[in-house]
PDB file of N, CA and C in Angstrom:
ATOM      1  N   MET A   1     122.121 -32.985 -33.448  1.00  0.00           N
ATOM      2  CA  MET A   1     122.913 -34.020 -32.796  1.00  0.00           C
ATOM      3  C   MET A   1     123.351 -33.571 -31.431  1.00  0.00           C
ATOM      4  N   HIS A   2     123.874 -32.308 -31.314  1.00  0.00           N
ATOM      5  CA  HIS A   2     124.346 -31.826 -30.125  1.00  0.00           C
ATOM      6  C   HIS A   2     123.268 -31.711 -29.024  1.00  0.00           C
ATOM      7  N   VAL A   3     122.042 -31.395 -29.447  1.00  0.00           N
ATOM      8  CA  VAL A   3     120.838 -31.202 -28.470  1.00  0.00           C
ATOM      9  C   VAL A   3     120.474 -32.586 -27.910  1.00  0.00           C
ATOM     10  N   ALA A   4     120.515 -33.614 -28.755  1.00  0.00           N
ATOM     11  CA  ALA A   4     120.163 -34.945 -28.350  1.00  0.00           C
ATOM     12  C   ALA A   4     121.178 -35.506 -27.337  1.00  0.00           C
ATOM     13  N   ALA A   5     122.360 -35.143 -27.501  1.00  0.00           N
ATOM     14  CA  ALA A   5     123.521 -35.629 -26.542  1.00  0.00           C
ATOM     15  C   ALA A   5     123.244 -34.961 -25.200  1.00  0.00           C
ATOM     16  N   GLY A   6     122.931 -33.677 -25.211  1.00  0.00           N
ATOM     17  CA  GLY A   6     122.615 -32.892 -23.967  1.00  0.00           C
ATOM     18  C   GLY A   6     121.374 -33.470 -23.250  1.00  0.00           C
ATOM     19  N   ALA A   7     120.404 -33.812 -23.972  1.00  0.00           N
ATOM     20  CA  ALA A   7     119.202 -34.380 -23.329  1.00  0.00           C
ATOM     21  C   ALA A   7     119.433 -35.755 -22.770  1.00  0.00           C
ATOM     22  N   ALA A   8     120.347 -36.444 -23.491  1.00  0.00           N
ATOM     23  CA  ALA A   8     120.691 -37.808 -23.024  1.00  0.00           C
ATOM     24  C   ALA A   8     121.530 -37.768 -21.692  1.00  0.00           C
ATOM     25  N   MET A   9     122.339 -36.688 -21.499  1.00  0.00           N
ATOM     26  CA  MET A   9     122.962 -36.485 -20.238  1.00  0.00           C
ATOM     27  C   MET A   9     122.214 -36.056 -19.148  1.00  0.00           C
ATOM     28  N   LEU A  10     121.154 -35.237 -19.545  1.00  0.00           N
ATOM     29  CA  LEU A  10     120.356 -34.522 -18.516  1.00  0.00           C
ATOM     30  C   LEU A  10     119.400 -35.576 -17.816  1.00  0.00           C
ATOM     31  N   ALA A  11     118.946 -36.578 -18.557  1.00  0.00           N
ATOM     32  CA  ALA A  11     118.026 -37.554 -17.897  1.00  0.00           C
ATOM     33  C   ALA A  11     118.720 -38.374 -16.925  1.00  0.00           C
ATOM     34  N   PRO A  12     119.925 -38.898 -17.096  1.00  0.00           N
ATOM     35  CA  PRO A  12     120.563 -39.608 -15.881  1.00  0.00           C
ATOM     36  C   PRO A  12     120.954 -38.757 -14.765  1.00  0.00           C
ATOM     37  N   LEU A  13     121.330 -37.459 -14.995  1.00  0.00           N
ATOM     38  CA  LEU A  13     121.669 -36.521 -13.905  1.00  0.00           C
ATOM     39  C   LEU A  13     120.371 -36.270 -13.160  1.00  0.00           C
ATOM     40  N   SER A  14     119.230 -36.011 -13.807  1.00  0.00           N
ATOM     41  CA  SER A  14     117.994 -35.768 -13.105  1.00  0.00           C
ATOM     42  C   SER A  14     117.631 -37.011 -12.239  1.00  0.00           C
ATOM     43  N   LEU A  15     117.791 -38.245 -12.792  1.00  0.00           N
ATOM     44  CA  LEU A  15     117.524 -39.453 -11.986  1.00  0.00           C
ATOM     45  C   LEU A  15     118.355 -39.535 -10.771  1.00  0.00           C
ATOM     46  N   LEU A  16     119.741 -39.208 -10.880  1.00  0.00           N
ATOM     47  CA  LEU A  16     120.547 -39.295  -9.777  1.00  0.00           C
ATOM     48  C   LEU A  16     120.158 -38.207  -8.736  1.00  0.00           C
ATOM     49  N   ILE A  17     119.747 -37.066  -9.066  1.00  0.00           N
ATOM     50  CA  ILE A  17     119.325 -36.079  -8.090  1.00  0.00           C
ATOM     51  C   ILE A  17     118.106 -36.517  -7.355  1.00  0.00           C
ATOM     52  N   TRP A  18     117.073 -37.062  -8.030  1.00  0.00           N
ATOM     53  CA  TRP A  18     115.938 -37.608  -7.392  1.00  0.00           C
ATOM     54  C   TRP A  18     116.263 -38.787  -6.521  1.00  0.00           C
ATOM     55  N   LEU A  19     117.117 -39.632  -6.902  1.00  0.00           N
ATOM     56  CA  LEU A  19     117.526 -40.797  -6.067  1.00  0.00           C
ATOM     57  C   LEU A  19     118.170 -40.237  -4.831  1.00  0.00           C
ATOM     58  N   TYR A  20     118.976 -39.267  -4.874  1.00  0.00           N
ATOM     59  CA  TYR A  20     119.654 -38.673  -3.713  1.00  0.00           C
ATOM     60  C   TYR A  20     118.613 -38.134  -2.742  1.00  0.00           C
ATOM     61  N   LEU A  21     117.584 -37.338  -3.322  1.00  0.00           N
ATOM     62  CA  LEU A  21     116.613 -36.712  -2.481  1.00  0.00           C
ATOM     63  C   LEU A  21     115.811 -37.805  -1.713  1.00  0.00           C
ATOM     64  N   PHE A  22     115.423 -38.851  -2.442  1.00  0.00           N
ATOM     65  CA  PHE A  22     114.556 -39.881  -1.785  1.00  0.00           C
ATOM     66  C   PHE A  22     115.343 -40.751  -0.830  1.00  0.00           C
ATOM     67  N   LEU A  23     116.525 -41.148  -1.165  1.00  0.00           N
ATOM     68  CA  LEU A  23     117.287 -42.037  -0.402  1.00  0.00           C
ATOM     69  C   LEU A  23     118.214 -41.551   0.687  1.00  0.00           C
ATOM     70  N   ALA A  24     118.934 -40.534   0.283  1.00  0.00           N
ATOM     71  CA  ALA A  24     119.976 -39.948   1.211  1.00  0.00           C
ATOM     72  C   ALA A  24     119.499 -38.737   2.000  1.00  0.00           C
ATOM     73  N   HIS A  25     118.492 -38.010   1.485  1.00  0.00           N
ATOM     74  CA  HIS A  25     118.091 -36.830   2.246  1.00  0.00           C
ATOM     75  C   HIS A  25     117.043 -37.084   3.343  1.00  0.00           C
ATOM     76  N   GLY A  26     116.359 -38.098   3.197  1.00  0.00           N
ATOM     77  CA  GLY A  26     115.417 -38.541   4.242  1.00  0.00           C
ATOM     78  C   GLY A  26     114.102 -37.788   4.529  1.00  0.00           C
ATOM     79  N   ARG A  27     113.204 -38.107   3.778  1.00  0.00           N
ATOM     80  CA  ARG A  27     111.767 -37.628   3.987  1.00  0.00           C
ATOM     81  C   ARG A  27     111.670 -36.096   4.020  1.00  0.00           C
ATOM     82  N   PHE A  28     112.378 -35.468   3.129  1.00  0.00           N
ATOM     83  CA  PHE A  28     112.308 -34.009   3.124  1.00  0.00           C
ATOM     84  C   PHE A  28     110.970 -33.422   2.874  1.00  0.00           C
ATOM     85  N   TRP A  29     110.031 -34.127   2.388  1.00  0.00           N
ATOM     86  CA  TRP A  29     108.692 -33.687   2.131  1.00  0.00           C
ATOM     87  C   TRP A  29     107.737 -33.631   3.287  1.00  0.00           C
ATOM     88  N   LEU A  30     108.140 -34.284   4.376  1.00  0.00           N
ATOM     89  CA  LEU A  30     107.287 -34.282   5.526  1.00  0.00           C
ATOM     90  C   LEU A  30     107.635 -33.016   6.425  1.00  0.00           C
ATOM     91  N   SER A  31     106.655 -32.534   6.965  1.00  0.00           N
ATOM     92  CA  SER A  31     106.868 -31.311   7.821  1.00  0.00           C
ATOM     93  C   SER A  31     107.222 -31.768   9.225  1.00  0.00           C
ATOM     94  N   ALA A  32     108.139 -31.127   9.874  1.00  0.00           N
ATOM     95  CA  ALA A  32     108.502 -31.496  11.210  1.00  0.00           C
ATOM     96  C   ALA A  32     109.133 -30.173  11.798  1.00  0.00           C
ATOM     97  N   PRO A  33     109.067 -30.002  13.085  1.00  0.00           N
ATOM     98  CA  PRO A  33     108.280 -30.831  14.075  1.00  0.00           C
ATOM     99  C   PRO A  33     106.865 -30.469  14.021  1.00  0.00           C
ATOM    100  N   GLN A  34     106.079 -31.424  14.497  1.00  0.00           N
ATOM    101  CA  GLN A  34     104.668 -31.184  14.577  1.00  0.00           C
ATOM    102  C   GLN A  34     104.370 -30.676  16.031  1.00  0.00           C
ATOM    103  N   LEU A  35     103.746 -29.570  16.086  1.00  0.00           N
ATOM    104  CA  LEU A  35     103.421 -28.884  17.453  1.00  0.00           C
ATOM    105  C   LEU A  35     102.116 -29.354  17.956  1.00  0.00           C
ATOM    106  N   PRO A  36     101.945 -29.533  19.230  1.00  0.00           N
ATOM    107  CA  PRO A  36     100.594 -29.892  19.760  1.00  0.00           C
ATOM    108  C   PRO A  36      99.714 -28.706  19.585  1.00  0.00           C
ATOM    109  N   ALA A  37      98.432 -29.118  19.616  1.00  0.00           N
ATOM    110  CA  ALA A  37      97.329 -27.997  19.533  1.00  0.00           C
ATOM    111  C   ALA A  37      97.378 -27.083  20.762  1.00  0.00           C
ATOM    112  N   ALA A  38      97.310 -25.825  20.555  1.00  0.00           N
ATOM    113  CA  ALA A  38      97.335 -24.903  21.615  1.00  0.00           C
ATOM    114  C   ALA A  38      96.036 -24.917  22.446  1.00  0.00           C
ATOM    115  N   ALA A  39      96.095 -24.880  23.667  1.00  0.00           N
ATOM    116  CA  ALA A  39      94.920 -24.830  24.437  1.00  0.00           C
ATOM    117  C   ALA A  39      95.129 -23.748  25.537  1.00  0.00           C
ATOM    118  N   PRO A  40      94.133 -22.824  25.597  1.00  0.00           N
ATOM    119  CA  PRO A  40      94.230 -21.721  26.529  1.00  0.00           C
ATOM    120  C   PRO A  40      94.208 -22.271  27.940  1.00  0.00           C
ATOM    121  N   PRO A  41      94.704 -21.565  28.919  1.00  0.00           N
ATOM    122  CA  PRO A  41      94.606 -22.046  30.282  1.00  0.00           C
ATOM    123  C   PRO A  41      93.160 -21.928  30.937  1.00  0.00           C
ATOM    124  N   GLU A  42      92.431 -21.037  30.282  1.00  0.00           N
ATOM    125  CA  GLU A  42      91.041 -20.824  30.799  1.00  0.00           C
ATOM    126  C   GLU A  42      90.193 -20.511  29.569  1.00  0.00           C
ATOM    127  N   PHE A  43      89.015 -21.118  29.530  1.00  0.00           N
ATOM    128  CA  PHE A  43      88.034 -20.864  28.464  1.00  0.00           C
ATOM    129  C   PHE A  43      87.002 -19.891  28.937  1.00  0.00           C
ATOM    130  N   PRO A  44      86.749 -18.802  28.233  1.00  0.00           N
ATOM    131  CA  PRO A  44      85.803 -17.797  28.659  1.00  0.00           C
ATOM    132  C   PRO A  44      84.350 -18.354  28.503  1.00  0.00           C
ATOM    133  N   GLU A  45      83.526 -17.719  29.389  1.00  0.00           N
ATOM    134  CA  GLU A  45      82.042 -18.083  29.208  1.00  0.00           C
ATOM    135  C   GLU A  45      81.524 -17.368  27.978  1.00  0.00           C
ATOM    136  N   VAL A  46      80.728 -18.061  27.172  1.00  0.00           N
ATOM    137  CA  VAL A  46      80.167 -17.565  25.959  1.00  0.00           C
ATOM    138  C   VAL A  46      78.722 -17.545  25.892  1.00  0.00           C
ATOM    139  N   ASP A  47      78.071 -16.493  25.455  1.00  0.00           N
ATOM    140  CA  ASP A  47      76.631 -16.488  25.116  1.00  0.00           C
ATOM    141  C   ASP A  47      76.395 -16.477  23.732  1.00  0.00           C
ATOM    142  N   ILE A  48      75.621 -17.367  23.146  1.00  0.00           N
ATOM    143  CA  ILE A  48      75.344 -17.505  21.771  1.00  0.00           C
ATOM    144  C   ILE A  48      73.937 -16.966  21.588  1.00  0.00           C
ATOM    145  N   VAL A  49      73.739 -15.812  20.990  1.00  0.00           N
ATOM    146  CA  VAL A  49      72.367 -15.229  20.795  1.00  0.00           C
ATOM    147  C   VAL A  49      71.823 -15.559  19.418  1.00  0.00           C
ATOM    148  N   VAL A  50      70.714 -16.159  19.388  1.00  0.00           N
ATOM    149  CA  VAL A  50      70.133 -16.600  18.122  1.00  0.00           C
ATOM    150  C   VAL A  50      68.791 -15.841  17.873  1.00  0.00           C
ATOM    151  N   PRO A  51      68.785 -14.759  17.066  1.00  0.00           N
ATOM    152  CA  PRO A  51      67.530 -14.070  16.747  1.00  0.00           C
ATOM    153  C   PRO A  51      66.664 -14.914  15.820  1.00  0.00           C
ATOM    154  N   ALA A  52      65.396 -15.029  16.092  1.00  0.00           N
ATOM    155  CA  ALA A  52      64.538 -15.855  15.261  1.00  0.00           C
ATOM    156  C   ALA A  52      63.120 -15.162  15.180  1.00  0.00           C
ATOM    157  N   ARG A  53      62.565 -15.377  14.037  1.00  0.00           N
ATOM    158  CA  ARG A  53      61.200 -15.013  13.802  1.00  0.00           C
ATOM    159  C   ARG A  53      60.522 -15.891  12.784  1.00  0.00           C
ATOM    160  N   ASP A  54      59.531 -16.700  13.152  1.00  0.00           N
ATOM    161  CA  ASP A  54      58.872 -17.562  12.271  1.00  0.00           C
ATOM    162  C   ASP A  54      59.882 -18.612  11.635  1.00  0.00           C
ATOM    163  N   GLU A  55      60.630 -19.227  12.575  1.00  0.00           N
ATOM    164  CA  GLU A  55      61.684 -20.241  12.235  1.00  0.00           C
ATOM    165  C   GLU A  55      61.314 -21.669  12.694  1.00  0.00           C
ATOM    166  N   ALA A  56      60.105 -21.938  13.021  1.00  0.00           N
ATOM    167  CA  ALA A  56      59.721 -23.240  13.593  1.00  0.00           C
ATOM    168  C   ALA A  56      60.201 -24.473  12.930  1.00  0.00           C
ATOM    169  N   PRO A  57      60.118 -24.502  11.610  1.00  0.00           N
ATOM    170  CA  PRO A  57      60.567 -25.771  10.871  1.00  0.00           C
ATOM    171  C   PRO A  57      62.085 -26.015  11.116  1.00  0.00           C
ATOM    172  N   THR A  58      62.879 -24.997  11.340  1.00  0.00           N
ATOM    173  CA  THR A  58      64.352 -25.316  11.379  1.00  0.00           C
ATOM    174  C   THR A  58      65.030 -25.026  12.628  1.00  0.00           C
ATOM    175  N   ILE A  59      64.347 -24.298  13.629  1.00  0.00           N
ATOM    176  CA  ILE A  59      65.001 -23.809  14.758  1.00  0.00           C
ATOM    177  C   ILE A  59      65.507 -24.898  15.731  1.00  0.00           C
ATOM    178  N   ALA A  60      64.785 -25.983  15.819  1.00  0.00           N
ATOM    179  CA  ALA A  60      65.226 -27.069  16.742  1.00  0.00           C
ATOM    180  C   ALA A  60      66.478 -27.632  16.273  1.00  0.00           C
ATOM    181  N   ALA A  61      66.729 -27.876  14.965  1.00  0.00           N
ATOM    182  CA  ALA A  61      67.936 -28.386  14.434  1.00  0.00           C
ATOM    183  C   ALA A  61      69.138 -27.372  14.662  1.00  0.00           C
ATOM    184  N   VAL A  62      68.820 -26.078  14.487  1.00  0.00           N
ATOM    185  CA  VAL A  62      69.838 -25.050  14.739  1.00  0.00           C
ATOM    186  C   VAL A  62      70.327 -25.018  16.115  1.00  0.00           C
ATOM    187  N   ILE A  63      69.317 -25.056  17.041  1.00  0.00           N
ATOM    188  CA  ILE A  63      69.679 -24.950  18.479  1.00  0.00           C
ATOM    189  C   ILE A  63      70.425 -26.337  18.883  1.00  0.00           C
ATOM    190  N   GLY A  64      69.916 -27.379  18.335  1.00  0.00           N
ATOM    191  CA  GLY A  64      70.580 -28.694  18.648  1.00  0.00           C
ATOM    192  C   GLY A  64      72.038 -28.673  18.228  1.00  0.00           C
ATOM    193  N   SER A  65      72.307 -28.163  17.003  1.00  0.00           N
ATOM    194  CA  SER A  65      73.701 -28.078  16.546  1.00  0.00           C
ATOM    195  C   SER A  65      74.531 -27.236  17.372  1.00  0.00           C
ATOM    196  N   LEU A  66      74.042 -26.082  17.845  1.00  0.00           N
ATOM    197  CA  LEU A  66      74.769 -25.188  18.715  1.00  0.00           C
ATOM    198  C   LEU A  66      75.042 -25.876  20.090  1.00  0.00           C
ATOM    199  N   LEU A  67      74.086 -26.589  20.598  1.00  0.00           N
ATOM    200  CA  LEU A  67      74.333 -27.198  21.923  1.00  0.00           C
ATOM    201  C   LEU A  67      75.273 -28.390  21.748  1.00  0.00           C
ATOM    202  N   ALA A  68      75.486 -28.919  20.606  1.00  0.00           N
ATOM    203  CA  ALA A  68      76.374 -30.075  20.397  1.00  0.00           C
ATOM    204  C   ALA A  68      77.807 -29.664  20.109  1.00  0.00           C
ATOM    205  N   GLN A  69      78.043 -28.360  20.233  1.00  0.00           N
ATOM    206  CA  GLN A  69      79.431 -27.869  20.006  1.00  0.00           C
ATOM    207  C   GLN A  69      80.436 -28.460  21.014  1.00  0.00           C
ATOM    208  N   ASP A  70      81.641 -28.656  20.571  1.00  0.00           N
ATOM    209  CA  ASP A  70      82.652 -29.182  21.425  1.00  0.00           C
ATOM    210  C   ASP A  70      83.449 -27.995  22.099  1.00  0.00           C
ATOM    211  N   TYR A  71      82.933 -27.370  23.052  1.00  0.00           N
ATOM    212  CA  TYR A  71      83.631 -26.224  23.712  1.00  0.00           C
ATOM    213  C   TYR A  71      83.852 -26.546  25.197  1.00  0.00           C
ATOM    214  N   ALA A  72      85.014 -26.425  25.659  1.00  0.00           N
ATOM    215  CA  ALA A  72      85.440 -26.878  26.972  1.00  0.00           C
ATOM    216  C   ALA A  72      84.942 -25.854  27.992  1.00  0.00           C
ATOM    217  N   GLY A  73      84.605 -24.657  27.650  1.00  0.00           N
ATOM    218  CA  GLY A  73      84.127 -23.683  28.577  1.00  0.00           C
ATOM    219  C   GLY A  73      82.596 -23.806  28.848  1.00  0.00           C
ATOM    220  N   ARG A  74      82.080 -22.904  29.550  1.00  0.00           N
ATOM    221  CA  ARG A  74      80.670 -22.783  29.819  1.00  0.00           C
ATOM    222  C   ARG A  74      80.034 -21.965  28.729  1.00  0.00           C
ATOM    223  N   PHE A  75      78.868 -22.284  28.253  1.00  0.00           N
ATOM    224  CA  PHE A  75      78.230 -21.500  27.152  1.00  0.00           C
ATOM    225  C   PHE A  75      76.793 -21.546  27.381  1.00  0.00           C
ATOM    226  N   ARG A  76      75.971 -20.626  26.894  1.00  0.00           N
ATOM    227  CA  ARG A  76      74.552 -20.623  26.880  1.00  0.00           C
ATOM    228  C   ARG A  76      74.165 -20.288  25.453  1.00  0.00           C
ATOM    229  N   VAL A  77      73.042 -20.947  25.109  1.00  0.00           N
ATOM    230  CA  VAL A  77      72.317 -20.540  23.803  1.00  0.00           C
ATOM    231  C   VAL A  77      71.143 -19.801  24.118  1.00  0.00           C
ATOM    232  N   ILE A  78      70.997 -18.607  23.611  1.00  0.00           N
ATOM    233  CA  ILE A  78      69.743 -17.808  24.038  1.00  0.00           C
ATOM    234  C   ILE A  78      69.043 -17.602  22.726  1.00  0.00           C
ATOM    235  N   LEU A  79      67.791 -18.059  22.707  1.00  0.00           N
ATOM    236  CA  LEU A  79      66.891 -17.807  21.570  1.00  0.00           C
ATOM    237  C   LEU A  79      66.100 -16.546  21.810  1.00  0.00           C
ATOM    238  N   VAL A  80      66.216 -15.512  20.969  1.00  0.00           N
ATOM    239  CA  VAL A  80      65.397 -14.329  21.068  1.00  0.00           C
ATOM    240  C   VAL A  80      64.346 -14.456  20.039  1.00  0.00           C
ATOM    241  N   ASP A  81      63.158 -14.798  20.484  1.00  0.00           N
ATOM    242  CA  ASP A  81      62.038 -14.923  19.603  1.00  0.00           C
ATOM    243  C   ASP A  81      61.292 -13.640  19.412  1.00  0.00           C
ATOM    244  N   ASP A  82      61.316 -13.173  18.263  1.00  0.00           N
ATOM    245  CA  ASP A  82      60.712 -11.806  17.886  1.00  0.00           C
ATOM    246  C   ASP A  82      59.213 -11.952  17.572  1.00  0.00           C
ATOM    247  N   ASN A  83      58.519 -12.413  18.575  1.00  0.00           N
ATOM    248  CA  ASN A  83      57.025 -12.550  18.464  1.00  0.00           C
ATOM    249  C   ASN A  83      56.583 -13.380  17.287  1.00  0.00           C
ATOM    250  N   SER A  84      57.160 -14.568  17.170  1.00  0.00           N
ATOM    251  CA  SER A  84      56.888 -15.426  16.032  1.00  0.00           C
ATOM    252  C   SER A  84      55.411 -15.852  16.096  1.00  0.00           C
ATOM    253  N   THR A  85      54.827 -16.016  14.799  1.00  0.00           N
ATOM    254  CA  THR A  85      53.418 -16.440  14.741  1.00  0.00           C
ATOM    255  C   THR A  85      53.311 -17.970  14.498  1.00  0.00           C
ATOM    256  N   ASP A  86      54.458 -18.640  14.197  1.00  0.00           N
ATOM    257  CA  ASP A  86      54.433 -20.102  13.978  1.00  0.00           C
ATOM    258  C   ASP A  86      54.822 -20.961  15.053  1.00  0.00           C
ATOM    259  N   GLY A  87      55.037 -20.405  16.245  1.00  0.00           N
ATOM    260  CA  GLY A  87      55.334 -21.220  17.412  1.00  0.00           C
ATOM    261  C   GLY A  87      56.901 -21.560  17.479  1.00  0.00           C
ATOM    262  N   THR A  88      57.713 -20.652  17.119  1.00  0.00           N
ATOM    263  CA  THR A  88      59.154 -20.926  17.161  1.00  0.00           C
ATOM    264  C   THR A  88      59.656 -21.266  18.501  1.00  0.00           C
ATOM    265  N   ALA A  89      59.265 -20.461  19.546  1.00  0.00           N
ATOM    266  CA  ALA A  89      59.675 -20.673  20.918  1.00  0.00           C
ATOM    267  C   ALA A  89      59.152 -22.045  21.419  1.00  0.00           C
ATOM    268  N   ALA A  90      57.933 -22.398  21.065  1.00  0.00           N
ATOM    269  CA  ALA A  90      57.325 -23.671  21.484  1.00  0.00           C
ATOM    270  C   ALA A  90      58.031 -24.769  20.874  1.00  0.00           C
ATOM    271  N   ALA A  91      58.507 -24.671  19.632  1.00  0.00           N
ATOM    272  CA  ALA A  91      59.255 -25.754  18.949  1.00  0.00           C
ATOM    273  C   ALA A  91      60.605 -26.068  19.619  1.00  0.00           C
ATOM    274  N   VAL A  92      61.221 -24.978  20.137  1.00  0.00           N
ATOM    275  CA  VAL A  92      62.432 -25.176  20.783  1.00  0.00           C
ATOM    276  C   VAL A  92      62.163 -25.724  22.184  1.00  0.00           C
ATOM    277  N   ALA A  93      61.100 -25.211  22.852  1.00  0.00           N
ATOM    278  CA  ALA A  93      60.790 -25.761  24.215  1.00  0.00           C
ATOM    279  C   ALA A  93      60.398 -27.264  24.146  1.00  0.00           C
ATOM    280  N   ASN A  94      59.708 -27.646  23.013  1.00  0.00           N
ATOM    281  CA  ASN A  94      59.330 -29.070  22.921  1.00  0.00           C
ATOM    282  C   ASN A  94      60.577 -29.926  22.564  1.00  0.00           C
ATOM    283  N   ALA A  95      61.526 -29.414  21.891  1.00  0.00           N
ATOM    284  CA  ALA A  95      62.785 -30.153  21.629  1.00  0.00           C
ATOM    285  C   ALA A  95      63.643 -30.355  22.904  1.00  0.00           C
ATOM    286  N   GLY A  96      63.467 -29.479  23.834  1.00  0.00           N
ATOM    287  CA  GLY A  96      64.200 -29.599  25.075  1.00  0.00           C
ATOM    288  C   GLY A  96      65.580 -29.035  24.976  1.00  0.00           C
ATOM    289  N   TRP A  97      66.026 -28.429  26.029  1.00  0.00           N
ATOM    290  CA  TRP A  97      67.386 -27.857  26.070  1.00  0.00           C
ATOM    291  C   TRP A  97      68.290 -28.952  26.712  1.00  0.00           C
ATOM    292  N   GLN A  98      69.435 -29.233  26.062  1.00  0.00           N
ATOM    293  CA  GLN A  98      70.390 -30.190  26.530  1.00  0.00           C
ATOM    294  C   GLN A  98      71.369 -29.561  27.554  1.00  0.00           C
ATOM    295  N   ARG A  99      71.769 -30.203  28.563  1.00  0.00           N
ATOM    296  CA  ARG A  99      72.774 -29.753  29.482  1.00  0.00           C
ATOM    297  C   ARG A  99      72.445 -28.506  30.210  1.00  0.00           C
ATOM    298  N   GLY A 100      71.230 -28.012  30.169  1.00  0.00           N
ATOM    299  CA  GLY A 100      70.850 -26.790  30.779  1.00  0.00           C
ATOM    300  C   GLY A 100      71.531 -25.560  30.205  1.00  0.00           C
ATOM    301  N   HIS A 101      71.814 -25.511  28.988  1.00  0.00           N
ATOM    302  CA  HIS A 101      72.468 -24.347  28.336  1.00  0.00           C
ATOM    303  C   HIS A 101      71.566 -23.420  27.628  1.00  0.00           C
ATOM    304  N   GLY A 102      70.260 -23.387  27.924  1.00  0.00           N
ATOM    305  CA  GLY A 102      69.315 -22.686  27.132  1.00  0.00           C
ATOM    306  C   GLY A 102      68.437 -21.632  27.878  1.00  0.00           C
ATOM    307  N   ARG A 103      68.048 -20.738  27.112  1.00  0.00           N
ATOM    308  CA  ARG A 103      67.073 -19.698  27.640  1.00  0.00           C
ATOM    309  C   ARG A 103      66.319 -19.138  26.478  1.00  0.00           C
ATOM    310  N   VAL A 104      65.012 -18.964  26.644  1.00  0.00           N
ATOM    311  CA  VAL A 104      64.138 -18.421  25.594  1.00  0.00           C
ATOM    312  C   VAL A 104      63.709 -17.067  26.033  1.00  0.00           C
ATOM    313  N   VAL A 105      63.953 -16.025  25.244  1.00  0.00           N
ATOM    314  CA  VAL A 105      63.506 -14.706  25.488  1.00  0.00           C
ATOM    315  C   VAL A 105      62.466 -14.264  24.424  1.00  0.00           C
ATOM    316  N   VAL A 106      61.246 -13.941  24.807  1.00  0.00           N
ATOM    317  CA  VAL A 106      60.281 -13.516  23.800  1.00  0.00           C
ATOM    318  C   VAL A 106      60.145 -11.983  23.944  1.00  0.00           C
ATOM    319  N   VAL A 107      60.252 -11.339  22.764  1.00  0.00           N
ATOM    320  CA  VAL A 107      60.184  -9.857  22.819  1.00  0.00           C
ATOM    321  C   VAL A 107      59.037  -9.389  21.892  1.00  0.00           C
ATOM    322  N   ALA A 108      58.722  -8.137  22.003  1.00  0.00           N
ATOM    323  CA  ALA A 108      57.669  -7.532  21.122  1.00  0.00           C
ATOM    324  C   ALA A 108      58.126  -7.413  19.737  1.00  0.00           C
ATOM    325  N   PRO A 109      57.234  -7.423  18.746  1.00  0.00           N
ATOM    326  CA  PRO A 109      57.605  -7.413  17.363  1.00  0.00           C
ATOM    327  C   PRO A 109      58.264  -6.053  16.986  1.00  0.00           C
ATOM    328  N   ALA A 110      59.580  -5.985  17.037  1.00  0.00           N
ATOM    329  CA  ALA A 110      60.289  -4.716  16.633  1.00  0.00           C
ATOM    330  C   ALA A 110      61.452  -5.054  15.703  1.00  0.00           C
ATOM    331  N   GLY A 111      61.494  -6.292  15.234  1.00  0.00           N
ATOM    332  CA  GLY A 111      62.667  -6.620  14.453  1.00  0.00           C
ATOM    333  C   GLY A 111      63.724  -7.436  15.199  1.00  0.00           C
ATOM    334  N   CYS A 112      64.472  -8.308  14.523  1.00  0.00           N
ATOM    335  CA  CYS A 112      65.447  -9.145  15.223  1.00  0.00           C
ATOM    336  C   CYS A 112      66.611  -8.328  15.770  1.00  0.00           C
ATOM    337  N   ALA A 113      67.019  -7.324  15.135  1.00  0.00           N
ATOM    338  CA  ALA A 113      68.139  -6.497  15.641  1.00  0.00           C
ATOM    339  C   ALA A 113      67.725  -5.793  16.936  1.00  0.00           C
ATOM    340  N   CYS A 114      66.529  -5.252  17.020  1.00  0.00           N
ATOM    341  CA  CYS A 114      66.065  -4.635  18.133  1.00  0.00           C
ATOM    342  C   CYS A 114      65.862  -5.627  19.297  1.00  0.00           C
ATOM    343  N   ALA A 115      65.396  -6.884  18.922  1.00  0.00           N
ATOM    344  CA  ALA A 115      65.180  -7.943  19.923  1.00  0.00           C
ATOM    345  C   ALA A 115      66.556  -8.285  20.527  1.00  0.00           C
ATOM    346  N   CYS A 116      67.582  -8.443  19.763  1.00  0.00           N
ATOM    347  CA  CYS A 116      68.888  -8.787  20.297  1.00  0.00           C
ATOM    348  C   CYS A 116      69.430  -7.696  21.171  1.00  0.00           C
ATOM    349  N   ARG A 117      69.209  -6.393  20.784  1.00  0.00           N
ATOM    350  CA  ARG A 117      69.657  -5.292  21.506  1.00  0.00           C
ATOM    351  C   ARG A 117      69.045  -5.215  22.903  1.00  0.00           C
ATOM    352  N   ARG A 118      67.777  -5.566  22.859  1.00  0.00           N
ATOM    353  CA  ARG A 118      66.987  -5.528  24.111  1.00  0.00           C
ATOM    354  C   ARG A 118      67.509  -6.600  25.027  1.00  0.00           C
ATOM    355  N   PHE A 119      67.670  -7.856  24.523  1.00  0.00           N
ATOM    356  CA  PHE A 119      68.222  -8.926  25.295  1.00  0.00           C
ATOM    357  C   PHE A 119      69.591  -8.504  25.950  1.00  0.00           C
ATOM    358  N   LEU A 120      70.471  -7.943  25.111  1.00  0.00           N
ATOM    359  CA  LEU A 120      71.805  -7.620  25.616  1.00  0.00           C
ATOM    360  C   LEU A 120      71.765  -6.626  26.694  1.00  0.00           C
ATOM    361  N   LEU A 121      70.852  -5.736  26.633  1.00  0.00           N
ATOM    362  CA  LEU A 121      70.698  -4.764  27.683  1.00  0.00           C
ATOM    363  C   LEU A 121      70.149  -5.329  28.988  1.00  0.00           C
ATOM    364  N   LEU A 122      69.276  -6.427  28.820  1.00  0.00           N
ATOM    365  CA  LEU A 122      68.785  -7.078  30.022  1.00  0.00           C
ATOM    366  C   LEU A 122      69.823  -7.978  30.600  1.00  0.00           C
ATOM    367  N   SER A 123      70.778  -8.541  29.907  1.00  0.00           N
ATOM    368  CA  SER A 123      71.736  -9.492  30.391  1.00  0.00           C
ATOM    369  C   SER A 123      72.912  -8.876  31.083  1.00  0.00           C
ATOM    370  N   VAL A 124      73.111  -7.586  30.946  1.00  0.00           N
ATOM    371  CA  VAL A 124      74.231  -6.934  31.502  1.00  0.00           C
ATOM    372  C   VAL A 124      74.085  -6.643  32.974  1.00  0.00           C
TER     373      VAL A 124
END
């Protein structure tokens, strides 16, 4: 009997607390203040190096998605073709480079890591 009376008093008290929070405390669940997105004063130039070997079926979509990035600074997408036998470089050239952000570098077959290293040494 004593437990039932305590539970009967707890329910209205809980209801009063929730009513206070919703009506008198004013949207406590919303975060504030909302800060504007940070924007750097200057965007650095970026080179995106894509190593590829025998990627003709998918490389045009990959390069296209990179060129469609929303970046305020200047950027280049560089395809390092590791002597593909399926025409990877030709597939990209046929797709066309948008906004002049592209460059195709064809290197001897030594592996993609070596191809990227060689390109980086040439670009410095």
